[in-house]
Amino acid sequence: MLDNSQIESFKQKGFLVIRNFFNSDFMNQILNEVNRLDVLEPEENGPMKYYEESQINKNEMLLIRIEKFIETSPLLKSVVYNESMIEVISTLLSDKPALLKEKINYKPYGSPPDYLHQDSQAGWDKYGTEFISALIAVEDSNQANACVEFDVSGKYKDKLIGPLWEPLNPDNLEGLDLQSIETVSGDIILFNSYVPHGSEINKSTDRRCNIYITYNKNSDGDNREKYFIEKRGNFPPNNERDPNKDYSFKV
């Protein structure tokens, strides 16, 4: 359960860090599972595997993330529906959470930056009124391997401040205070869909893998299937793409 200071911190900043939420034995199992999914060949209508060109070794394609994987991973499904985490998120949402989407961000050496953005800039309003995402640190992250930076000012946590599908320009955000939030395996960060965040290129040889799970209010319905049908249609994984179309990723 959360104490009053944690609840108030989330309200003030739009995010909350909880250290050592999952124990090391469990996280070792999770690490083995994300590594298993890493090496699987992409399959049509299977887990959605996204590859991008390395920012350091040109012409090298890197696995950046996998989405929609709980159908093929009972272990990761147990993380998504972990009772302790669901209880915490219920407190912050003031409602039972319904799963919207899940992804693994691998962030290996050479991974491109995740430009500063608000999650709601990706058109989430069609799926609900309020969202909370859980970042679960599978591996340690720090400034060297491009840990996630969050705005700690609290100024931009309550509404959309940029156009849809475009990264934010930090120079236009007065009072923005980006801070690197370093984590170790088992830590979690809970954040709403408005707090600005992003990460730099990973120039370290150390990968820093995170799992991200996004929930909407249960009162807004079960929208996961709708979300992934639309995502697959508009921005399919590499192995399902039409070679004559442009699939530039924006936010």
Protein backbone atom coordinates (compact mmCIF):
# COMPACT_ATOMS: atom_id res chain seq x y z
CA MET A 1 0.00 0.00 0.00
CA LEU A 2 1.03 3.58 -0.58
CA ASP A 3 1.41 6.04 2.25
CA ASN A 4 0.04 9.58 2.11
CA SER A 5 3.40 11.11 1.19
CA GLN A 6 3.72 8.84 -1.85
CA ILE A 7 0.21 9.64 -3.02
CA GLU A 8 0.86 13.36 -2.61
CA SER A 9 4.18 13.10 -4.46
CA PHE A 10 2.45 11.46 -7.41
CA LYS A 11 -0.19 14.19 -7.45
CA GLN A 12 2.45 16.92 -7.35
CA LYS A 13 4.85 15.54 -9.98
CA GLY A 14 2.83 13.13 -12.09
CA PHE A 15 5.13 10.21 -11.32
CA LEU A 16 6.29 8.11 -8.39
CA VAL A 17 9.38 5.94 -7.90
CA ILE A 18 9.07 2.83 -5.72
CA ARG A 19 12.36 1.09 -4.99
CA ASN A 20 12.76 -2.71 -4.74
CA PHE A 21 9.14 -3.41 -5.62
CA PHE A 22 10.04 -6.82 -7.07
CA ASN A 23 12.67 -9.08 -5.51
CA SER A 24 15.86 -10.17 -7.24
CA ASP A 25 14.87 -13.82 -7.72
CA PHE A 26 11.71 -12.83 -9.54
CA MET A 27 13.56 -10.25 -11.63
CA ASN A 28 16.08 -12.88 -12.71
CA GLN A 29 13.16 -14.90 -14.07
CA ILE A 30 11.89 -11.80 -15.87
CA LEU A 31 15.33 -11.14 -17.35
CA ASN A 32 15.50 -14.69 -18.69
CA GLU A 33 12.07 -14.27 -20.24
CA VAL A 34 12.79 -10.96 -21.99
CA ASN A 35 15.98 -12.53 -23.34
CA ARG A 36 13.97 -15.51 -24.62
CA LEU A 37 11.59 -13.18 -26.45
CA ASP A 38 14.55 -11.21 -27.80
CA VAL A 39 15.90 -14.11 -29.87
CA LEU A 40 12.58 -15.42 -31.21
CA GLU A 41 12.05 -14.88 -34.92
CA PRO A 42 9.24 -12.41 -35.69
CA GLU A 43 5.96 -14.06 -36.67
CA GLU A 44 3.01 -12.55 -38.48
CA ASN A 45 0.30 -11.68 -35.93
CA GLY A 46 2.67 -12.68 -33.14
CA PRO A 47 4.38 -10.43 -30.61
CA MET A 48 5.11 -7.10 -32.32
CA LYS A 49 8.88 -6.74 -32.71
CA TYR A 50 10.25 -3.34 -33.75
CA TYR A 51 13.76 -2.82 -35.12
CA GLU A 52 15.59 0.44 -35.83
CA GLU A 53 18.99 1.31 -37.22
CA SER A 54 21.81 1.73 -34.71
CA GLN A 55 22.88 5.31 -34.09
CA ILE A 56 26.49 4.15 -33.77
CA ASN A 57 26.98 1.18 -36.10
CA LYS A 58 25.19 2.20 -39.28
CA ASN A 59 23.31 -0.53 -41.17
CA GLU A 60 22.99 -2.56 -37.95
CA MET A 61 19.36 -3.17 -37.05
CA LEU A 62 18.59 -3.32 -33.33
CA LEU A 63 15.58 -4.78 -31.58
CA ILE A 64 14.21 -1.71 -29.84
CA ARG A 65 10.98 -3.02 -28.37
CA ILE A 66 8.37 -5.78 -28.33
CA GLU A 67 4.66 -5.08 -27.85
CA LYS A 68 1.62 -7.32 -27.27
CA PHE A 69 3.36 -10.31 -25.76
CA ILE A 70 1.25 -11.57 -22.86
CA GLU A 71 -0.50 -14.10 -25.12
CA THR A 72 2.82 -15.93 -25.49
CA SER A 73 4.37 -15.28 -22.07
CA PRO A 74 2.53 -16.50 -18.98
CA LEU A 75 5.33 -15.16 -16.78
CA LEU A 76 5.07 -11.62 -18.12
CA LYS A 77 1.29 -11.86 -17.98
CA SER A 78 1.66 -12.50 -14.25
CA VAL A 79 3.64 -9.25 -14.00
CA VAL A 80 0.95 -7.29 -15.83
CA TYR A 81 -1.67 -8.54 -13.37
CA ASN A 82 0.52 -8.61 -10.26
CA GLU A 83 -1.85 -8.05 -7.34
CA SER A 84 0.42 -5.72 -5.39
CA MET A 85 1.05 -3.49 -8.38
CA ILE A 86 -2.63 -3.47 -9.37
CA GLU A 87 -3.51 -2.40 -5.83
CA VAL A 88 -1.08 0.52 -5.96
CA ILE A 89 -2.30 1.65 -9.38
CA SER A 90 -5.92 1.37 -8.24
CA THR A 91 -5.13 3.83 -5.47
CA LEU A 92 -3.58 6.33 -7.88
CA LEU A 93 -6.31 5.95 -10.52
CA SER A 94 -9.16 5.94 -7.99
CA ASP A 95 -10.54 3.04 -10.01
CA LYS A 96 -9.63 -0.51 -10.90
CA PRO A 97 -7.11 -0.50 -13.76
CA ALA A 98 -7.78 -2.13 -17.14
CA LEU A 99 -4.79 -3.12 -19.26
CA LEU A 100 -4.37 -0.96 -22.36
CA LYS A 101 -0.98 -2.08 -23.66
CA GLU A 102 2.33 -3.65 -22.73
CA LYS A 103 5.82 -3.37 -24.19
CA ILE A 104 9.44 -4.22 -23.51
CA ASN A 105 11.98 -1.50 -24.31
CA TYR A 106 15.38 -3.16 -24.74
CA LYS A 107 17.52 -0.03 -25.28
CA PRO A 108 20.76 -1.79 -26.33
CA TYR A 109 24.01 -0.05 -27.24
CA GLY A 110 23.35 2.34 -30.12
CA SER A 111 19.62 2.69 -29.51
CA PRO A 112 18.15 5.95 -30.81
CA PRO A 113 16.86 8.61 -28.43
CA ASP A 114 13.31 8.59 -27.16
CA TYR A 115 12.57 12.26 -27.72
CA LEU A 116 10.88 14.29 -25.00
CA HIS A 117 7.13 13.69 -25.15
CA GLN A 118 3.89 13.18 -23.29
CA ASP A 119 2.32 9.76 -23.79
CA SER A 120 -1.07 11.32 -24.54
CA GLN A 121 0.42 12.94 -27.65
CA ALA A 122 -0.01 9.52 -29.27
CA GLY A 123 -3.79 9.97 -29.41
CA TRP A 124 -4.63 8.06 -26.27
CA ASP A 125 -7.78 10.10 -25.61
CA LYS A 126 -9.76 7.68 -27.78
CA TYR A 127 -8.98 4.87 -25.31
CA GLY A 128 -9.86 6.52 -22.01
CA THR A 129 -9.86 9.55 -19.76
CA GLU A 130 -6.91 8.78 -17.50
CA PHE A 131 -3.91 6.46 -17.67
CA ILE A 132 -1.07 5.24 -15.52
CA SER A 133 1.98 3.44 -16.86
CA ALA A 134 4.28 1.25 -14.81
CA LEU A 135 7.95 1.22 -15.78
CA ILE A 136 9.53 -1.95 -14.40
CA ALA A 137 13.32 -1.89 -14.40
CA VAL A 138 14.53 -5.27 -15.64
CA GLU A 139 18.16 -4.13 -15.74
CA ASP A 140 19.96 -1.31 -13.97
CA SER A 141 19.70 2.07 -15.69
CA ASN A 142 21.81 5.18 -15.20
CA GLN A 143 22.90 8.27 -17.08
CA ALA A 144 25.61 6.32 -18.92
CA ASN A 145 23.14 3.88 -20.51
CA ALA A 146 20.41 6.46 -21.12
CA CYS A 147 18.05 6.09 -18.20
CA VAL A 148 14.67 7.80 -18.52
CA GLU A 149 14.47 11.50 -17.69
CA PHE A 150 11.29 12.93 -16.16
CA ASP A 151 10.18 16.50 -15.66
CA VAL A 152 10.13 16.98 -11.89
CA SER A 153 8.69 20.51 -11.96
CA GLY A 154 5.07 19.36 -11.86
CA LYS A 155 4.14 22.17 -14.23
CA TYR A 156 3.15 20.01 -17.18
CA LYS A 157 1.57 16.96 -15.55
CA ASP A 158 -2.13 17.81 -15.94
CA LYS A 159 -2.82 18.48 -19.62
CA LEU A 160 -1.59 18.12 -23.16
CA ILE A 161 1.02 20.79 -23.93
CA GLY A 162 2.14 19.79 -27.42
CA PRO A 163 0.56 18.78 -30.74
CA LEU A 164 -0.27 15.15 -31.40
CA TRP A 165 2.45 12.97 -32.93
CA GLU A 166 5.27 15.50 -32.46
CA PRO A 167 8.06 15.46 -29.87
CA LEU A 168 8.16 18.34 -27.40
CA ASN A 169 10.69 21.14 -27.75
CA PRO A 170 12.21 21.64 -24.28
CA ASP A 171 13.24 25.19 -25.20
CA ASN A 172 9.55 26.13 -25.38
CA LEU A 173 8.67 24.79 -21.92
CA GLU A 174 9.35 27.40 -19.27
CA GLY A 175 10.33 25.90 -15.94
CA LEU A 176 10.86 22.42 -17.34
CA ASP A 177 13.17 20.51 -14.99
CA LEU A 178 14.34 17.25 -16.54
CA GLN A 179 16.04 14.89 -14.11
CA SER A 180 17.60 11.50 -14.80
CA ILE A 181 15.81 8.85 -12.75
CA GLU A 182 18.30 6.05 -12.23
CA THR A 183 16.89 2.63 -11.33
CA VAL A 184 18.06 -0.83 -10.40
CA SER A 185 16.40 -4.09 -11.31
CA GLY A 186 13.12 -4.46 -9.41
CA ASP A 187 12.40 -0.73 -9.07
CA ILE A 188 9.24 0.64 -10.63
CA ILE A 189 8.20 4.10 -11.77
CA LEU A 190 4.50 4.90 -12.01
CA PHE A 191 3.60 7.88 -14.18
CA ASN A 192 0.59 9.50 -15.78
CA SER A 193 0.12 10.20 -19.48
CA TYR A 194 1.04 13.91 -19.31
CA VAL A 195 4.34 14.14 -17.42
CA PRO A 196 7.07 14.88 -20.01
CA HIS A 197 9.78 12.25 -20.27
CA GLY A 198 12.35 10.84 -22.68
CA SER A 199 15.83 9.35 -22.96
CA GLU A 200 19.07 9.86 -24.88
CA ILE A 201 21.00 7.59 -27.24
CA ASN A 202 22.49 4.65 -25.37
CA LYS A 203 26.23 5.13 -25.91
CA SER A 204 27.14 2.58 -23.24
CA THR A 205 27.75 -1.07 -24.02
CA ASP A 206 25.32 -1.89 -21.19
CA ARG A 207 21.76 -2.58 -22.29
CA ARG A 208 19.05 -1.17 -20.02
CA CYS A 209 15.81 -3.07 -20.47
CA ASN A 210 12.50 -1.82 -19.04
CA ILE A 211 8.98 -3.22 -19.22
CA TYR A 212 6.19 -0.66 -19.65
CA ILE A 213 2.60 -1.52 -18.80
CA THR A 214 -0.17 1.03 -19.39
CA TYR A 215 -3.57 0.90 -17.72
CA ASN A 216 -6.71 2.97 -18.19
CA LYS A 217 -9.57 3.30 -15.76
CA ASN A 218 -11.78 0.23 -15.68
CA SER A 219 -14.78 2.54 -16.04
CA ASP A 220 -13.45 3.50 -19.50
CA GLY A 221 -13.64 -0.11 -20.66
CA ASP A 222 -11.33 -2.77 -22.05
CA ASN A 223 -9.59 -1.12 -25.01
CA ARG A 224 -6.50 -3.30 -25.43
CA GLU A 225 -7.71 -5.21 -28.48
CA LYS A 226 -8.82 -1.98 -30.18
CA TYR A 227 -5.48 -0.34 -29.39
CA PHE A 228 -3.37 -3.11 -30.87
CA ILE A 229 -5.56 -3.56 -33.96
CA GLU A 230 -5.11 0.14 -34.71
CA LYS A 231 -1.40 0.09 -33.83
CA ARG A 232 -0.78 -2.91 -36.06
CA GLY A 233 -2.64 -1.26 -38.92
CA ASN A 234 -1.00 2.16 -38.64
CA PHE A 235 2.47 1.20 -37.43
CA PRO A 236 3.05 -2.53 -37.91
CA PRO A 237 6.16 -4.39 -36.78
CA ASN A 238 8.97 -4.53 -39.33
CA ASN A 239 8.14 -8.01 -40.62
CA GLU A 240 4.55 -7.01 -41.49
CA ARG A 241 5.27 -3.76 -43.36
CA ASP A 242 4.46 -2.75 -46.91
CA PRO A 243 7.83 -1.84 -48.49
CA ASN A 244 6.14 0.98 -50.42
CA LYS A 245 4.93 2.83 -47.31
CA ASP A 246 6.68 5.19 -44.90
CA TYR A 247 6.41 4.15 -41.26
CA SER A 248 8.31 6.96 -39.56
CA PHE A 249 7.86 6.75 -35.79
CA LYS A 250 7.05 10.07 -34.13
CA VAL A 251 6.18 9.66 -30.43
